[in-house]
Amino acid sequence: MTKRDERQLSLPLGERPRLKVIQGLGQKKVEPLEDRDAVARVLIEAGADLLLRRISAERAEAIEGQVNEILRLFDLVDHNQLLMPVLKRKLDELEALMRDTRDLRAQRRRR
């Protein structure tokens, strides 16, 4: 018998984890890029696509570069609202790149 590690978390007996099942239609919701979290999720999506070989390393690097620039712009806009049009333009460019990436991914899946 192994010794119990007191640092380990455990659930009291009798209690079950409460998981909520969200009914979806099997399609991913594409959210507008309006905040840092949405932009960070784009980077995660690109990383997953790269690992699954659904996109090229070059495309993933392009997405990463745009995400890094946009996150830097979010910080700058916090101190200088005059940069907001630049941030919006960069967000639009990233949305266009992601739309193109998703379209390419969908075409490859159909083949």
C-alpha atoms as a PDB file:
ATOM      1  CA  MET A   1       0.000   0.000   0.000  1.00  0.00           C
ATOM      2  CA  THR A   2       1.315   3.450  -0.885  1.00  0.00           C
ATOM      3  CA  LYS A   3       1.481   6.273   1.548  1.00  0.00           C
ATOM      4  CA  ARG A   4      -0.956   9.128   1.006  1.00  0.00           C
ATOM      5  CA  ASP A   5       0.608  12.478   0.194  1.00  0.00           C
ATOM      6  CA  GLU A   6      -1.144  15.044   2.392  1.00  0.00           C
ATOM      7  CA  ARG A   7      -0.559  17.751  -0.234  1.00  0.00           C
ATOM      8  CA  GLN A   8      -2.734  15.898  -2.747  1.00  0.00           C
ATOM      9  CA  LEU A   9      -6.221  17.266  -3.277  1.00  0.00           C
ATOM     10  CA  SER A  10      -9.126  14.873  -2.968  1.00  0.00           C
ATOM     11  CA  LEU A  11     -12.892  14.971  -3.201  1.00  0.00           C
ATOM     12  CA  PRO A  12     -14.857  13.928  -0.128  1.00  0.00           C
ATOM     13  CA  LEU A  13     -16.635  10.620  -0.685  1.00  0.00           C
ATOM     14  CA  GLY A  14     -20.229  10.987  -1.709  1.00  0.00           C
ATOM     15  CA  GLU A  15     -19.712  14.230  -3.594  1.00  0.00           C
ATOM     16  CA  ARG A  16     -19.541  14.020  -7.333  1.00  0.00           C
ATOM     17  CA  PRO A  17     -17.925  16.630  -9.516  1.00  0.00           C
ATOM     18  CA  ARG A  18     -20.583  18.810 -11.064  1.00  0.00           C
ATOM     19  CA  LEU A  19     -19.964  19.026 -14.762  1.00  0.00           C
ATOM     20  CA  LYS A  20     -22.263  20.949 -17.011  1.00  0.00           C
ATOM     21  CA  VAL A  21     -22.694  19.694 -20.540  1.00  0.00           C
ATOM     22  CA  ILE A  22     -23.099  22.475 -23.032  1.00  0.00           C
ATOM     23  CA  GLN A  23     -25.117  21.440 -26.045  1.00  0.00           C
ATOM     24  CA  GLY A  24     -23.604  22.739 -29.232  1.00  0.00           C
ATOM     25  CA  LEU A  25     -24.095  22.190 -32.899  1.00  0.00           C
ATOM     26  CA  GLY A  26     -20.596  20.840 -33.418  1.00  0.00           C
ATOM     27  CA  GLN A  27     -19.374  24.104 -34.847  1.00  0.00           C
ATOM     28  CA  LYS A  28     -16.860  26.404 -33.275  1.00  0.00           C
ATOM     29  CA  LYS A  29     -18.062  29.917 -32.606  1.00  0.00           C
ATOM     30  CA  VAL A  30     -15.763  32.477 -34.187  1.00  0.00           C
ATOM     31  CA  GLU A  31     -15.579  35.433 -31.856  1.00  0.00           C
ATOM     32  CA  PRO A  32     -14.637  38.968 -32.824  1.00  0.00           C
ATOM     33  CA  LEU A  33     -11.199  40.092 -31.720  1.00  0.00           C
ATOM     34  CA  GLU A  34     -12.081  42.783 -29.244  1.00  0.00           C
ATOM     35  CA  ASP A  35      -9.875  42.144 -26.214  1.00  0.00           C
ATOM     36  CA  ARG A  36      -6.616  40.594 -25.073  1.00  0.00           C
ATOM     37  CA  ASP A  37      -8.251  37.284 -24.186  1.00  0.00           C
ATOM     38  CA  ALA A  38      -9.710  36.798 -27.671  1.00  0.00           C
ATOM     39  CA  VAL A  39      -6.325  37.592 -29.215  1.00  0.00           C
ATOM     40  CA  ALA A  40      -4.598  35.130 -26.872  1.00  0.00           C
ATOM     41  CA  ARG A  41      -7.087  32.419 -27.894  1.00  0.00           C
ATOM     42  CA  VAL A  42      -6.052  33.006 -31.529  1.00  0.00           C
ATOM     43  CA  LEU A  43      -2.481  32.180 -30.535  1.00  0.00           C
ATOM     44  CA  ILE A  44      -3.639  29.000 -28.786  1.00  0.00           C
ATOM     45  CA  GLU A  45      -5.684  28.014 -31.842  1.00  0.00           C
ATOM     46  CA  ALA A  46      -2.685  28.559 -34.111  1.00  0.00           C
ATOM     47  CA  GLY A  47      -0.460  26.529 -31.789  1.00  0.00           C
ATOM     48  CA  ALA A  48      -2.918  23.637 -31.821  1.00  0.00           C
ATOM     49  CA  ASP A  49      -3.214  23.830 -35.607  1.00  0.00           C
ATOM     50  CA  LEU A  50       0.572  23.779 -35.927  1.00  0.00           C
ATOM     51  CA  LEU A  51       0.907  20.758 -33.622  1.00  0.00           C
ATOM     52  CA  LEU A  52      -1.787  18.926 -35.592  1.00  0.00           C
ATOM     53  CA  ARG A  53      -0.052  19.941 -38.844  1.00  0.00           C
ATOM     54  CA  ARG A  54      -3.102  21.766 -40.116  1.00  0.00           C
ATOM     55  CA  ILE A  55      -1.078  24.926 -40.793  1.00  0.00           C
ATOM     56  CA  SER A  56       2.519  25.569 -41.739  1.00  0.00           C
ATOM     57  CA  ALA A  57       5.195  26.822 -39.375  1.00  0.00           C
ATOM     58  CA  GLU A  58       5.426  29.993 -41.470  1.00  0.00           C
ATOM     59  CA  ARG A  59       1.713  30.727 -41.050  1.00  0.00           C
ATOM     60  CA  ALA A  60       1.922  30.027 -37.315  1.00  0.00           C
ATOM     61  CA  GLU A  61       4.881  32.410 -37.022  1.00  0.00           C
ATOM     62  CA  ALA A  62       2.979  35.105 -38.922  1.00  0.00           C
ATOM     63  CA  ILE A  63       0.033  34.717 -36.551  1.00  0.00           C
ATOM     64  CA  GLU A  64       2.334  34.768 -33.524  1.00  0.00           C
ATOM     65  CA  GLY A  65       4.025  37.934 -34.763  1.00  0.00           C
ATOM     66  CA  GLN A  66       0.714  39.721 -35.271  1.00  0.00           C
ATOM     67  CA  VAL A  67      -0.574  38.572 -31.873  1.00  0.00           C
ATOM     68  CA  ASN A  68       2.567  39.835 -30.130  1.00  0.00           C
ATOM     69  CA  GLU A  69       2.287  43.193 -31.875  1.00  0.00           C
ATOM     70  CA  ILE A  70      -1.399  43.503 -30.989  1.00  0.00           C
ATOM     71  CA  LEU A  71      -0.823  42.629 -27.327  1.00  0.00           C
ATOM     72  CA  ARG A  72       1.900  45.292 -27.205  1.00  0.00           C
ATOM     73  CA  LEU A  73      -0.520  47.770 -28.795  1.00  0.00           C
ATOM     74  CA  PHE A  74      -3.177  46.976 -26.179  1.00  0.00           C
ATOM     75  CA  ASP A  75      -0.656  48.014 -23.516  1.00  0.00           C
ATOM     76  CA  LEU A  76       0.238  51.185 -25.402  1.00  0.00           C
ATOM     77  CA  VAL A  77      -3.418  52.111 -25.944  1.00  0.00           C
ATOM     78  CA  ASP A  78      -3.950  51.920 -22.176  1.00  0.00           C
ATOM     79  CA  HIS A  79      -1.622  54.934 -21.918  1.00  0.00           C
ATOM     80  CA  ASN A  80      -2.338  56.663 -25.225  1.00  0.00           C
ATOM     81  CA  GLN A  81      -5.838  56.451 -26.720  1.00  0.00           C
ATOM     82  CA  LEU A  82      -4.614  58.079 -29.934  1.00  0.00           C
ATOM     83  CA  LEU A  83      -3.203  54.671 -30.926  1.00  0.00           C
ATOM     84  CA  MET A  84      -6.673  53.072 -30.950  1.00  0.00           C
ATOM     85  CA  PRO A  85      -7.075  53.341 -34.772  1.00  0.00           C
ATOM     86  CA  VAL A  86      -3.752  51.519 -35.218  1.00  0.00           C
ATOM     87  CA  LEU A  87      -4.897  48.776 -32.836  1.00  0.00           C
ATOM     88  CA  LYS A  88      -8.229  48.405 -34.652  1.00  0.00           C
ATOM     89  CA  ARG A  89      -6.456  48.145 -38.019  1.00  0.00           C
ATOM     90  CA  LYS A  90      -4.110  45.452 -36.666  1.00  0.00           C
ATOM     91  CA  LEU A  91      -7.057  43.552 -35.174  1.00  0.00           C
ATOM     92  CA  ASP A  92      -8.803  43.651 -38.561  1.00  0.00           C
ATOM     93  CA  GLU A  93      -5.638  42.344 -40.246  1.00  0.00           C
ATOM     94  CA  LEU A  94      -5.383  39.467 -37.756  1.00  0.00           C
ATOM     95  CA  GLU A  95      -9.070  38.619 -38.244  1.00  0.00           C
ATOM     96  CA  ALA A  96      -8.490  38.496 -42.015  1.00  0.00           C
ATOM     97  CA  LEU A  97      -5.463  36.231 -41.573  1.00  0.00           C
ATOM     98  CA  MET A  98      -7.421  33.915 -39.270  1.00  0.00           C
ATOM     99  CA  ARG A  99     -10.379  33.819 -41.678  1.00  0.00           C
ATOM    100  CA  ASP A 100      -7.975  32.816 -44.453  1.00  0.00           C
ATOM    101  CA  THR A 101      -6.328  30.240 -42.169  1.00  0.00           C
ATOM    102  CA  ARG A 102      -9.669  28.693 -41.197  1.00  0.00           C
ATOM    103  CA  ASP A 103     -10.755  28.575 -44.858  1.00  0.00           C
ATOM    104  CA  LEU A 104      -7.532  26.791 -45.837  1.00  0.00           C
ATOM    105  CA  ARG A 105      -7.939  24.378 -42.946  1.00  0.00           C
ATOM    106  CA  ALA A 106     -11.528  23.620 -43.991  1.00  0.00           C
ATOM    107  CA  GLN A 107     -10.457  23.009 -47.620  1.00  0.00           C
ATOM    108  CA  ARG A 108      -7.805  20.526 -46.497  1.00  0.00           C
ATOM    109  CA  ARG A 109     -10.348  18.686 -44.375  1.00  0.00           C
ATOM    110  CA  ARG A 110     -12.672  18.260 -47.360  1.00  0.00           C
ATOM    111  CA  ARG A 111      -9.964  16.606 -49.476  1.00  0.00           C
END
